[in-house]
Amino acid sequence: MTQTAIEWLVSKIESNTNPKLTQKELIERVEQAKEMEKQRQDEFAIGFAEWIVDYTFNGCYGNDVSELLEEFKKEKEL
């Protein structure tokens, strides 16, 4: 499993050889973590949309999007 944005941020802060990050450096790292999280959310949304298309074209239909989401997460082991 890939590292979450928060895990990445903590590792960057912990591995910093300079014991005192400047405010600017800390803000830059937080912004990087936020961008990583946005990319991860985009990848999830795209994967879910692709899965729904495949799922419905194979003759499977769900009445509730939340049920489809749970099935997707189950299949992807999320």
PDB file of N, CA and C in Angstrom:
ATOM      1  N   MET A   1       0.850  -1.184   0.000  1.00  0.00           N
ATOM      2  CA  MET A   1       0.000   0.000   0.000  1.00  0.00           C
ATOM      3  C   MET A   1       0.892   1.243   0.000  1.00  0.00           C
ATOM      4  N   THR A   2       0.461   2.238  -0.727  1.00  0.00           N
ATOM      5  CA  THR A   2       1.259   3.454  -0.824  1.00  0.00           C
ATOM      6  C   THR A   2       1.111   4.299   0.437  1.00  0.00           C
ATOM      7  N   GLN A   3       2.069   5.142   0.623  1.00  0.00           N
ATOM      8  CA  GLN A   3       2.104   6.028   1.781  1.00  0.00           C
ATOM      9  C   GLN A   3       1.052   7.124   1.622  1.00  0.00           C
ATOM     10  N   THR A   4       0.342   7.430   2.705  1.00  0.00           N
ATOM     11  CA  THR A   4      -0.620   8.524   2.654  1.00  0.00           C
ATOM     12  C   THR A   4       0.122   9.851   2.669  1.00  0.00           C
ATOM     13  N   ALA A   5      -0.582  10.919   2.332  1.00  0.00           N
ATOM     14  CA  ALA A   5       0.029  12.246   2.332  1.00  0.00           C
ATOM     15  C   ALA A   5       0.504  12.633   3.730  1.00  0.00           C
ATOM     16  N   ILE A   6      -0.264  12.277   4.731  1.00  0.00           N
ATOM     17  CA  ILE A   6       0.126  12.614   6.106  1.00  0.00           C
ATOM     18  C   ILE A   6       1.358  11.810   6.519  1.00  0.00           C
ATOM     19  N   GLU A   7       1.379  10.522   6.166  1.00  0.00           N
ATOM     20  CA  GLU A   7       2.553   9.701   6.482  1.00  0.00           C
ATOM     21  C   GLU A   7       3.797  10.256   5.795  1.00  0.00           C
ATOM     22  N   TRP A   8       3.639  10.677   4.531  1.00  0.00           N
ATOM     23  CA  TRP A   8       4.754  11.273   3.799  1.00  0.00           C
ATOM     24  C   TRP A   8       5.230  12.543   4.496  1.00  0.00           C
ATOM     25  N   LEU A   9       4.285  13.391   4.887  1.00  0.00           N
ATOM     26  CA  LEU A   9       4.628  14.649   5.549  1.00  0.00           C
ATOM     27  C   LEU A   9       5.373  14.396   6.847  1.00  0.00           C
ATOM     28  N   VAL A  10       4.885  13.478   7.656  1.00  0.00           N
ATOM     29  CA  VAL A  10       5.544  13.163   8.923  1.00  0.00           C
ATOM     30  C   VAL A  10       6.951  12.640   8.665  1.00  0.00           C
ATOM     31  N   SER A  11       7.112  11.764   7.675  1.00  0.00           N
ATOM     32  CA  SER A  11       8.446  11.222   7.388  1.00  0.00           C
ATOM     33  C   SER A  11       9.403  12.313   6.938  1.00  0.00           C
ATOM     34  N   LYS A  12       8.918  13.268   6.144  1.00  0.00           N
ATOM     35  CA  LYS A  12       9.766  14.380   5.702  1.00  0.00           C
ATOM     36  C   LYS A  12      10.188  15.250   6.880  1.00  0.00           C
ATOM     37  N   ILE A  13       9.277  15.502   7.782  1.00  0.00           N
ATOM     38  CA  ILE A  13       9.595  16.325   8.946  1.00  0.00           C
ATOM     39  C   ILE A  13      10.564  15.585   9.865  1.00  0.00           C
ATOM     40  N   GLU A  14      10.311  14.281  10.082  1.00  0.00           N
ATOM     41  CA  GLU A  14      11.174  13.491  10.968  1.00  0.00           C
ATOM     42  C   GLU A  14      12.569  13.292  10.389  1.00  0.00           C
ATOM     43  N   SER A  15      12.669  13.183   9.067  1.00  0.00           N
ATOM     44  CA  SER A  15      13.980  12.934   8.453  1.00  0.00           C
ATOM     45  C   SER A  15      14.770  14.212   8.199  1.00  0.00           C
ATOM     46  N   ASN A  16      14.197  15.329   8.520  1.00  0.00           N
ATOM     47  CA  ASN A  16      14.868  16.605   8.315  1.00  0.00           C
ATOM     48  C   ASN A  16      16.084  16.701   9.233  1.00  0.00           C
ATOM     49  N   THR A  17      17.257  16.939   8.656  1.00  0.00           N
ATOM     50  CA  THR A  17      18.468  17.053   9.459  1.00  0.00           C
ATOM     51  C   THR A  17      18.554  18.386  10.186  1.00  0.00           C
ATOM     52  N   ASN A  18      17.849  19.364   9.696  1.00  0.00           N
ATOM     53  CA  ASN A  18      17.795  20.658  10.368  1.00  0.00           C
ATOM     54  C   ASN A  18      16.683  20.582  11.411  1.00  0.00           C
ATOM     55  N   PRO A  19      17.033  20.672  12.701  1.00  0.00           N
ATOM     56  CA  PRO A  19      16.011  20.498  13.735  1.00  0.00           C
ATOM     57  C   PRO A  19      14.909  21.556  13.722  1.00  0.00           C
ATOM     58  N   LYS A  20      15.161  22.669  13.062  1.00  0.00           N
ATOM     59  CA  LYS A  20      14.145  23.720  13.034  1.00  0.00           C
ATOM     60  C   LYS A  20      13.796  24.053  11.587  1.00  0.00           C
ATOM     61  N   LEU A  21      12.608  23.633  11.197  1.00  0.00           N
ATOM     62  CA  LEU A  21      12.118  24.011   9.878  1.00  0.00           C
ATOM     63  C   LEU A  21      11.662  25.459   9.922  1.00  0.00           C
ATOM     64  N   THR A  22      11.942  26.174   8.853  1.00  0.00           N
ATOM     65  CA  THR A  22      11.398  27.528   8.786  1.00  0.00           C
ATOM     66  C   THR A  22       9.912  27.429   8.492  1.00  0.00           C
ATOM     67  N   GLN A  23       9.210  28.473   8.774  1.00  0.00           N
ATOM     68  CA  GLN A  23       7.773  28.488   8.495  1.00  0.00           C
ATOM     69  C   GLN A  23       7.521  28.244   7.010  1.00  0.00           C
ATOM     70  N   LYS A  24       8.342  28.848   6.161  1.00  0.00           N
ATOM     71  CA  LYS A  24       8.198  28.680   4.717  1.00  0.00           C
ATOM     72  C   LYS A  24       8.399  27.221   4.324  1.00  0.00           C
ATOM     73  N   GLU A  25       9.414  26.554   4.869  1.00  0.00           N
ATOM     74  CA  GLU A  25       9.678  25.146   4.552  1.00  0.00           C
ATOM     75  C   GLU A  25       8.521  24.256   5.006  1.00  0.00           C
ATOM     76  N   LEU A  26       8.013  24.535   6.182  1.00  0.00           N
ATOM     77  CA  LEU A  26       6.894  23.746   6.698  1.00  0.00           C
ATOM     78  C   LEU A  26       5.647  23.924   5.824  1.00  0.00           C
ATOM     79  N   ILE A  27       5.374  25.151   5.438  1.00  0.00           N
ATOM     80  CA  ILE A  27       4.227  25.427   4.565  1.00  0.00           C
ATOM     81  C   ILE A  27       4.405  24.726   3.224  1.00  0.00           C
ATOM     82  N   GLU A  28       5.626  24.732   2.667  1.00  0.00           N
ATOM     83  CA  GLU A  28       5.884  24.055   1.401  1.00  0.00           C
ATOM     84  C   GLU A  28       5.610  22.557   1.523  1.00  0.00           C
ATOM     85  N   ARG A  29       6.016  21.957   2.609  1.00  0.00           N
ATOM     86  CA  ARG A  29       5.791  20.523   2.812  1.00  0.00           C
ATOM     87  C   ARG A  29       4.303  20.214   2.993  1.00  0.00           C
ATOM     88  N   VAL A  30       3.605  21.070   3.702  1.00  0.00           N
ATOM     89  CA  VAL A  30       2.162  20.871   3.872  1.00  0.00           C
ATOM     90  C   VAL A  30       1.465  20.992   2.518  1.00  0.00           C
ATOM     91  N   GLU A  31       1.854  21.950   1.705  1.00  0.00           N
ATOM     92  CA  GLU A  31       1.268  22.122   0.374  1.00  0.00           C
ATOM     93  C   GLU A  31       1.550  20.904  -0.504  1.00  0.00           C
ATOM     94  N   GLN A  32       2.760  20.339  -0.398  1.00  0.00           N
ATOM     95  CA  GLN A  32       3.077  19.126  -1.148  1.00  0.00           C
ATOM     96  C   GLN A  32       2.167  17.978  -0.713  1.00  0.00           C
ATOM     97  N   ALA A  33       1.970  17.848   0.586  1.00  0.00           N
ATOM     98  CA  ALA A  33       1.111  16.781   1.107  1.00  0.00           C
ATOM     99  C   ALA A  33      -0.331  16.976   0.632  1.00  0.00           C
ATOM    100  N   LYS A  34      -0.789  18.212   0.606  1.00  0.00           N
ATOM    101  CA  LYS A  34      -2.153  18.483   0.131  1.00  0.00           C
ATOM    102  C   LYS A  34      -2.290  18.110  -1.343  1.00  0.00           C
ATOM    103  N   GLU A  35      -1.281  18.405  -2.146  1.00  0.00           N
ATOM    104  CA  GLU A  35      -1.315  18.056  -3.562  1.00  0.00           C
ATOM    105  C   GLU A  35      -1.300  16.539  -3.740  1.00  0.00           C
ATOM    106  N   MET A  36      -0.510  15.839  -2.929  1.00  0.00           N
ATOM    107  CA  MET A  36      -0.486  14.380  -2.985  1.00  0.00           C
ATOM    108  C   MET A  36      -1.865  13.814  -2.670  1.00  0.00           C
ATOM    109  N   GLU A  37      -2.525  14.364  -1.676  1.00  0.00           N
ATOM    110  CA  GLU A  37      -3.857  13.894  -1.288  1.00  0.00           C
ATOM    111  C   GLU A  37      -4.868  14.166  -2.401  1.00  0.00           C
ATOM    112  N   LYS A  38      -4.766  15.322  -3.045  1.00  0.00           N
ATOM    113  CA  LYS A  38      -5.664  15.648  -4.159  1.00  0.00           C
ATOM    114  C   LYS A  38      -5.465  14.656  -5.294  1.00  0.00           C
ATOM    115  N   GLN A  39      -4.218  14.343  -5.623  1.00  0.00           N
ATOM    116  CA  GLN A  39      -3.943  13.379  -6.687  1.00  0.00           C
ATOM    117  C   GLN A  39      -4.505  12.003  -6.335  1.00  0.00           C
ATOM    118  N   ARG A  40      -4.361  11.603  -5.090  1.00  0.00           N
ATOM    119  CA  ARG A  40      -4.879  10.308  -4.659  1.00  0.00           C
ATOM    120  C   ARG A  40      -6.410  10.272  -4.770  1.00  0.00           C
ATOM    121  N   GLN A  41      -7.067  11.358  -4.388  1.00  0.00           N
ATOM    122  CA  GLN A  41      -8.521  11.431  -4.495  1.00  0.00           C
ATOM    123  C   GLN A  41      -8.954  11.383  -5.967  1.00  0.00           C
ATOM    124  N   ASP A  42      -8.216  12.082  -6.830  1.00  0.00           N
ATOM    125  CA  ASP A  42      -8.526  12.058  -8.260  1.00  0.00           C
ATOM    126  C   ASP A  42      -8.379  10.649  -8.816  1.00  0.00           C
ATOM    127  N   GLU A  43      -7.302   9.959  -8.459  1.00  0.00           N
ATOM    128  CA  GLU A  43      -7.079   8.592  -8.925  1.00  0.00           C
ATOM    129  C   GLU A  43      -8.207   7.676  -8.458  1.00  0.00           C
ATOM    130  N   PHE A  44      -8.648   7.848  -7.216  1.00  0.00           N
ATOM    131  CA  PHE A  44      -9.738   7.037  -6.692  1.00  0.00           C
ATOM    132  C   PHE A  44     -11.020   7.302  -7.470  1.00  0.00           C
ATOM    133  N   ALA A  45     -11.340   8.571  -7.694  1.00  0.00           N
ATOM    134  CA  ALA A  45     -12.573   8.939  -8.407  1.00  0.00           C
ATOM    135  C   ALA A  45     -12.556   8.395  -9.831  1.00  0.00           C
ATOM    136  N   ILE A  46     -11.428   8.523 -10.512  1.00  0.00           N
ATOM    137  CA  ILE A  46     -11.320   8.012 -11.877  1.00  0.00           C
ATOM    138  C   ILE A  46     -11.457   6.488 -11.884  1.00  0.00           C
ATOM    139  N   GLY A  47     -10.787   5.828 -10.952  1.00  0.00           N
ATOM    140  CA  GLY A  47     -10.885   4.373 -10.859  1.00  0.00           C
ATOM    141  C   GLY A  47     -12.310   3.917 -10.591  1.00  0.00           C
ATOM    142  N   PHE A  48     -13.006   4.625  -9.725  1.00  0.00           N
ATOM    143  CA  PHE A  48     -14.389   4.276  -9.412  1.00  0.00           C
ATOM    144  C   PHE A  48     -15.286   4.484 -10.634  1.00  0.00           C
ATOM    145  N   ALA A  49     -15.096   5.594 -11.333  1.00  0.00           N
ATOM    146  CA  ALA A  49     -15.906   5.866 -12.530  1.00  0.00           C
ATOM    147  C   ALA A  49     -15.660   4.799 -13.595  1.00  0.00           C
ATOM    148  N   GLU A  50     -14.400   4.432 -13.804  1.00  0.00           N
ATOM    149  CA  GLU A  50     -14.093   3.391 -14.786  1.00  0.00           C
ATOM    150  C   GLU A  50     -14.711   2.059 -14.367  1.00  0.00           C
ATOM    151  N   TRP A  51     -14.659   1.762 -13.091  1.00  0.00           N
ATOM    152  CA  TRP A  51     -15.221   0.521 -12.578  1.00  0.00           C
ATOM    153  C   TRP A  51     -16.733   0.486 -12.794  1.00  0.00           C
ATOM    154  N   ILE A  52     -17.418   1.602 -12.528  1.00  0.00           N
ATOM    155  CA  ILE A  52     -18.872   1.660 -12.715  1.00  0.00           C
ATOM    156  C   ILE A  52     -19.223   1.406 -14.181  1.00  0.00           C
ATOM    157  N   VAL A  53     -18.478   2.006 -15.098  1.00  0.00           N
ATOM    158  CA  VAL A  53     -18.744   1.796 -16.520  1.00  0.00           C
ATOM    159  C   VAL A  53     -18.588   0.311 -16.855  1.00  0.00           C
ATOM    160  N   ASP A  54     -17.480  -0.293 -16.438  1.00  0.00           N
ATOM    161  CA  ASP A  54     -17.273  -1.723 -16.689  1.00  0.00           C
ATOM    162  C   ASP A  54     -18.361  -2.552 -16.030  1.00  0.00           C
ATOM    163  N   TYR A  55     -18.699  -2.208 -14.808  1.00  0.00           N
ATOM    164  CA  TYR A  55     -19.677  -2.966 -14.026  1.00  0.00           C
ATOM    165  C   TYR A  55     -21.057  -2.929 -14.692  1.00  0.00           C
ATOM    166  N   THR A  56     -21.462  -1.761 -15.137  1.00  0.00           N
ATOM    167  CA  THR A  56     -22.799  -1.639 -15.740  1.00  0.00           C
ATOM    168  C   THR A  56     -22.831  -2.235 -17.141  1.00  0.00           C
ATOM    169  N   PHE A  57     -21.731  -2.135 -17.887  1.00  0.00           N
ATOM    170  CA  PHE A  57     -21.702  -2.731 -19.226  1.00  0.00           C
ATOM    171  C   PHE A  57     -21.695  -4.253 -19.170  1.00  0.00           C
ATOM    172  N   ASN A  58     -21.313  -4.814 -18.052  1.00  0.00           N
ATOM    173  CA  ASN A  58     -21.345  -6.264 -17.880  1.00  0.00           C
ATOM    174  C   ASN A  58     -22.697  -6.736 -17.365  1.00  0.00           C
ATOM    175  N   GLY A  59     -23.696  -5.870 -17.397  1.00  0.00           N
ATOM    176  CA  GLY A  59     -25.051  -6.265 -17.035  1.00  0.00           C
ATOM    177  C   GLY A  59     -25.354  -6.208 -15.553  1.00  0.00           C
ATOM    178  N   CYS A  60     -24.481  -5.642 -14.771  1.00  0.00           N
ATOM    179  CA  CYS A  60     -24.712  -5.521 -13.328  1.00  0.00           C
ATOM    180  C   CYS A  60     -25.173  -4.100 -13.029  1.00  0.00           C
ATOM    181  N   TYR A  61     -26.239  -3.981 -12.290  1.00  0.00           N
ATOM    182  CA  TYR A  61     -26.779  -2.664 -11.979  1.00  0.00           C
ATOM    183  C   TYR A  61     -27.048  -2.584 -10.489  1.00  0.00           C
ATOM    184  N   GLY A  62     -26.776  -1.441  -9.932  1.00  0.00           N
ATOM    185  CA  GLY A  62     -27.072  -1.220  -8.528  1.00  0.00           C
ATOM    186  C   GLY A  62     -28.084  -0.097  -8.391  1.00  0.00           C
ATOM    187  N   ASN A  63     -28.890  -0.181  -7.376  1.00  0.00           N
ATOM    188  CA  ASN A  63     -29.884   0.868  -7.160  1.00  0.00           C
ATOM    189  C   ASN A  63     -29.307   2.043  -6.392  1.00  0.00           C
ATOM    190  N   ASP A  64     -28.217   1.817  -5.703  1.00  0.00           N
ATOM    191  CA  ASP A  64     -27.692   2.820  -4.787  1.00  0.00           C
ATOM    192  C   ASP A  64     -26.201   3.002  -5.043  1.00  0.00           C
ATOM    193  N   VAL A  65     -25.771   4.232  -5.297  1.00  0.00           N
ATOM    194  CA  VAL A  65     -24.368   4.512  -5.562  1.00  0.00           C
ATOM    195  C   VAL A  65     -23.500   4.129  -4.366  1.00  0.00           C
ATOM    196  N   SER A  66     -24.009   4.305  -3.158  1.00  0.00           N
ATOM    197  CA  SER A  66     -23.211   3.935  -1.989  1.00  0.00           C
ATOM    198  C   SER A  66     -22.950   2.428  -1.959  1.00  0.00           C
ATOM    199  N   GLU A  67     -23.927   1.632  -2.440  1.00  0.00           N
ATOM    200  CA  GLU A  67     -23.711   0.184  -2.527  1.00  0.00           C
ATOM    201  C   GLU A  67     -22.641  -0.136  -3.569  1.00  0.00           C
ATOM    202  N   LEU A  68     -22.681   0.573  -4.690  1.00  0.00           N
ATOM    203  CA  LEU A  68     -21.656   0.384  -5.717  1.00  0.00           C
ATOM    204  C   LEU A  68     -20.278   0.757  -5.186  1.00  0.00           C
ATOM    205  N   LEU A  69     -20.217   1.853  -4.442  1.00  0.00           N
ATOM    206  CA  LEU A  69     -18.946   2.280  -3.872  1.00  0.00           C
ATOM    207  C   LEU A  69     -18.394   1.213  -2.927  1.00  0.00           C
ATOM    208  N   GLU A  70     -19.237   0.650  -2.102  1.00  0.00           N
ATOM    209  CA  GLU A  70     -18.791  -0.390  -1.162  1.00  0.00           C
ATOM    210  C   GLU A  70     -18.303  -1.630  -1.917  1.00  0.00           C
ATOM    211  N   GLU A  71     -18.990  -1.995  -2.988  1.00  0.00           N
ATOM    212  CA  GLU A  71     -18.570  -3.141  -3.799  1.00  0.00           C
ATOM    213  C   GLU A  71     -17.210  -2.862  -4.451  1.00  0.00           C
ATOM    214  N   PHE A  72     -17.029  -1.643  -4.970  1.00  0.00           N
ATOM    215  CA  PHE A  72     -15.762  -1.235  -5.568  1.00  0.00           C
ATOM    216  C   PHE A  72     -14.640  -1.317  -4.541  1.00  0.00           C
ATOM    217  N   LYS A  73     -14.841  -0.770  -3.359  1.00  0.00           N
ATOM    218  CA  LYS A  73     -13.816  -0.787  -2.318  1.00  0.00           C
ATOM    219  C   LYS A  73     -13.488  -2.218  -1.911  1.00  0.00           C
ATOM    220  N   LYS A  74     -14.503  -3.067  -1.863  1.00  0.00           N
ATOM    221  CA  LYS A  74     -14.299  -4.463  -1.509  1.00  0.00           C
ATOM    222  C   LYS A  74     -13.422  -5.160  -2.564  1.00  0.00           C
ATOM    223  N   GLU A  75     -13.745  -4.942  -3.833  1.00  0.00           N
ATOM    224  CA  GLU A  75     -12.980  -5.555  -4.920  1.00  0.00           C
ATOM    225  C   GLU A  75     -11.536  -5.050  -4.950  1.00  0.00           C
ATOM    226  N   LYS A  76     -11.343  -3.780  -4.661  1.00  0.00           N
ATOM    227  CA  LYS A  76     -10.006  -3.172  -4.707  1.00  0.00           C
ATOM    228  C   LYS A  76      -9.264  -3.298  -3.377  1.00  0.00           C
ATOM    229  N   GLU A  77      -9.928  -3.920  -2.396  1.00  0.00           N
ATOM    230  CA  GLU A  77      -9.375  -4.101  -1.039  1.00  0.00           C
ATOM    231  C   GLU A  77      -8.962  -2.772  -0.417  1.00  0.00           C
ATOM    232  N   LEU A  78      -9.873  -1.818  -0.467  1.00  0.00           N
ATOM    233  CA  LEU A  78      -9.627  -0.484   0.106  1.00  0.00           C
ATOM    234  C   LEU A  78     -10.356  -0.340   1.429  1.00  0.00           C
TER     235      LEU A  78
END
